[in-house]
Amino acid sequence: MKPTTTSDPTLLLALRADLASHAGCLVTAVGLDTLEATILGSCNEAMETAAQLRVRAWEAAQRTRGLNVRVELA
């Protein structure tokens, strides 16, 4: 998965924790508002799609809490 940037850097650690909680995903902060996720395993394409969907689900969950956050997947 390519670098992921959030519009609200204060939520970066929450996004990192959410992604890292799933098996097969190693997540590293590479900037104040950017994460880089490495998909581990042999089914990289399917796992990358799943990770992207997790990012979108996390983003939607934040919006339901009233936080207007946007996540860009590079």
C-alpha atoms as a PDB file:
ATOM      1  CA  MET A   1       0.000   0.000   0.000  1.00  0.00           C
ATOM      2  CA  LYS A   2       1.392   3.390  -0.904  1.00  0.00           C
ATOM      3  CA  PRO A   3       1.715   6.290   1.559  1.00  0.00           C
ATOM      4  CA  THR A   4      -1.519   7.347   3.237  1.00  0.00           C
ATOM      5  CA  THR A   5      -2.053  10.978   4.219  1.00  0.00           C
ATOM      6  CA  THR A   6      -4.731  12.276   6.566  1.00  0.00           C
ATOM      7  CA  SER A   7      -6.216  15.775   6.516  1.00  0.00           C
ATOM      8  CA  ASP A   8      -6.148  15.801  10.341  1.00  0.00           C
ATOM      9  CA  PRO A   9      -2.687  14.893  11.688  1.00  0.00           C
ATOM     10  CA  THR A  10      -4.099  14.551  15.215  1.00  0.00           C
ATOM     11  CA  LEU A  11      -5.872  11.384  14.044  1.00  0.00           C
ATOM     12  CA  LEU A  12      -2.783   9.814  12.474  1.00  0.00           C
ATOM     13  CA  LEU A  13      -2.003   7.588  15.454  1.00  0.00           C
ATOM     14  CA  ALA A  14      -5.601   6.337  15.583  1.00  0.00           C
ATOM     15  CA  LEU A  15      -5.462   5.405  11.900  1.00  0.00           C
ATOM     16  CA  ARG A  16      -2.065   3.763  12.404  1.00  0.00           C
ATOM     17  CA  ALA A  17      -3.383   1.711  15.318  1.00  0.00           C
ATOM     18  CA  ASP A  18      -6.432   0.630  13.331  1.00  0.00           C
ATOM     19  CA  LEU A  19      -4.372  -0.515  10.353  1.00  0.00           C
ATOM     20  CA  ALA A  20      -1.715  -2.164  12.514  1.00  0.00           C
ATOM     21  CA  SER A  21      -4.349  -4.141  14.433  1.00  0.00           C
ATOM     22  CA  HIS A  22      -4.983  -6.259  11.358  1.00  0.00           C
ATOM     23  CA  ALA A  23      -2.692  -9.182  10.662  1.00  0.00           C
ATOM     24  CA  GLY A  24      -0.419  -8.778   7.709  1.00  0.00           C
ATOM     25  CA  CYS A  25      -0.094  -5.006   7.817  1.00  0.00           C
ATOM     26  CA  LEU A  26       3.038  -3.228   9.073  1.00  0.00           C
ATOM     27  CA  VAL A  27       2.403   0.515   9.480  1.00  0.00           C
ATOM     28  CA  THR A  28       5.032   3.229   9.926  1.00  0.00           C
ATOM     29  CA  ALA A  29       4.597   6.990  10.376  1.00  0.00           C
ATOM     30  CA  VAL A  30       6.783   8.673   7.746  1.00  0.00           C
ATOM     31  CA  GLY A  31       5.678  12.259   8.340  1.00  0.00           C
ATOM     32  CA  LEU A  32       3.457  14.392  10.531  1.00  0.00           C
ATOM     33  CA  ASP A  33       0.404  13.463   8.468  1.00  0.00           C
ATOM     34  CA  THR A  34       1.593  10.444   6.485  1.00  0.00           C
ATOM     35  CA  LEU A  35       1.687   6.697   7.089  1.00  0.00           C
ATOM     36  CA  GLU A  36       3.249   3.983   4.999  1.00  0.00           C
ATOM     37  CA  ALA A  37       1.708   0.540   5.198  1.00  0.00           C
ATOM     38  CA  THR A  38       3.526  -2.581   4.094  1.00  0.00           C
ATOM     39  CA  ILE A  39       1.399  -5.588   3.285  1.00  0.00           C
ATOM     40  CA  LEU A  40       3.033  -8.826   4.407  1.00  0.00           C
ATOM     41  CA  GLY A  41       2.229 -12.182   2.878  1.00  0.00           C
ATOM     42  CA  SER A  42       1.778 -13.870  -0.457  1.00  0.00           C
ATOM     43  CA  CYS A  43      -1.645 -12.429  -1.375  1.00  0.00           C
ATOM     44  CA  ASN A  44      -0.457  -8.833  -1.568  1.00  0.00           C
ATOM     45  CA  GLU A  45      -3.026  -7.568  -4.089  1.00  0.00           C
ATOM     46  CA  ALA A  46      -6.026  -8.908  -2.179  1.00  0.00           C
ATOM     47  CA  MET A  47      -4.569  -7.799   1.141  1.00  0.00           C
ATOM     48  CA  GLU A  48      -3.831  -4.327  -0.240  1.00  0.00           C
ATOM     49  CA  THR A  49      -7.440  -3.993  -1.372  1.00  0.00           C
ATOM     50  CA  ALA A  50      -8.599  -5.089   2.082  1.00  0.00           C
ATOM     51  CA  ALA A  51      -6.306  -2.512   3.725  1.00  0.00           C
ATOM     52  CA  GLN A  52      -7.657   0.235   1.457  1.00  0.00           C
ATOM     53  CA  LEU A  53     -11.199  -0.741   2.410  1.00  0.00           C
ATOM     54  CA  ARG A  54     -10.215  -0.617   6.102  1.00  0.00           C
ATOM     55  CA  VAL A  55      -8.924   2.924   5.587  1.00  0.00           C
ATOM     56  CA  ARG A  56     -12.235   3.945   4.006  1.00  0.00           C
ATOM     57  CA  ALA A  57     -14.200   2.285   6.819  1.00  0.00           C
ATOM     58  CA  TRP A  58     -12.064   4.060   9.425  1.00  0.00           C
ATOM     59  CA  GLU A  59     -12.562   7.367   7.626  1.00  0.00           C
ATOM     60  CA  ALA A  60     -16.351   6.835   7.554  1.00  0.00           C
ATOM     61  CA  ALA A  61     -16.370   5.930  11.259  1.00  0.00           C
ATOM     62  CA  GLN A  62     -14.595   9.187  12.104  1.00  0.00           C
ATOM     63  CA  ARG A  63     -17.155  11.147  10.117  1.00  0.00           C
ATOM     64  CA  THR A  64     -20.013   9.512  12.031  1.00  0.00           C
ATOM     65  CA  ARG A  65     -18.310  10.802  15.190  1.00  0.00           C
ATOM     66  CA  GLY A  66     -18.475  14.326  13.740  1.00  0.00           C
ATOM     67  CA  LEU A  67     -14.819  14.501  12.673  1.00  0.00           C
ATOM     68  CA  ASN A  68     -14.395  15.747   9.143  1.00  0.00           C
ATOM     69  CA  VAL A  69     -11.312  13.795   8.129  1.00  0.00           C
ATOM     70  CA  ARG A  70     -10.169  12.901   4.627  1.00  0.00           C
ATOM     71  CA  VAL A  71      -7.610  10.202   3.910  1.00  0.00           C
ATOM     72  CA  GLU A  72      -5.670  10.250   0.651  1.00  0.00           C
ATOM     73  CA  LEU A  73      -4.271   6.996  -0.658  1.00  0.00           C
ATOM     74  CA  ALA A  74      -1.344   7.627  -2.967  1.00  0.00           C
END
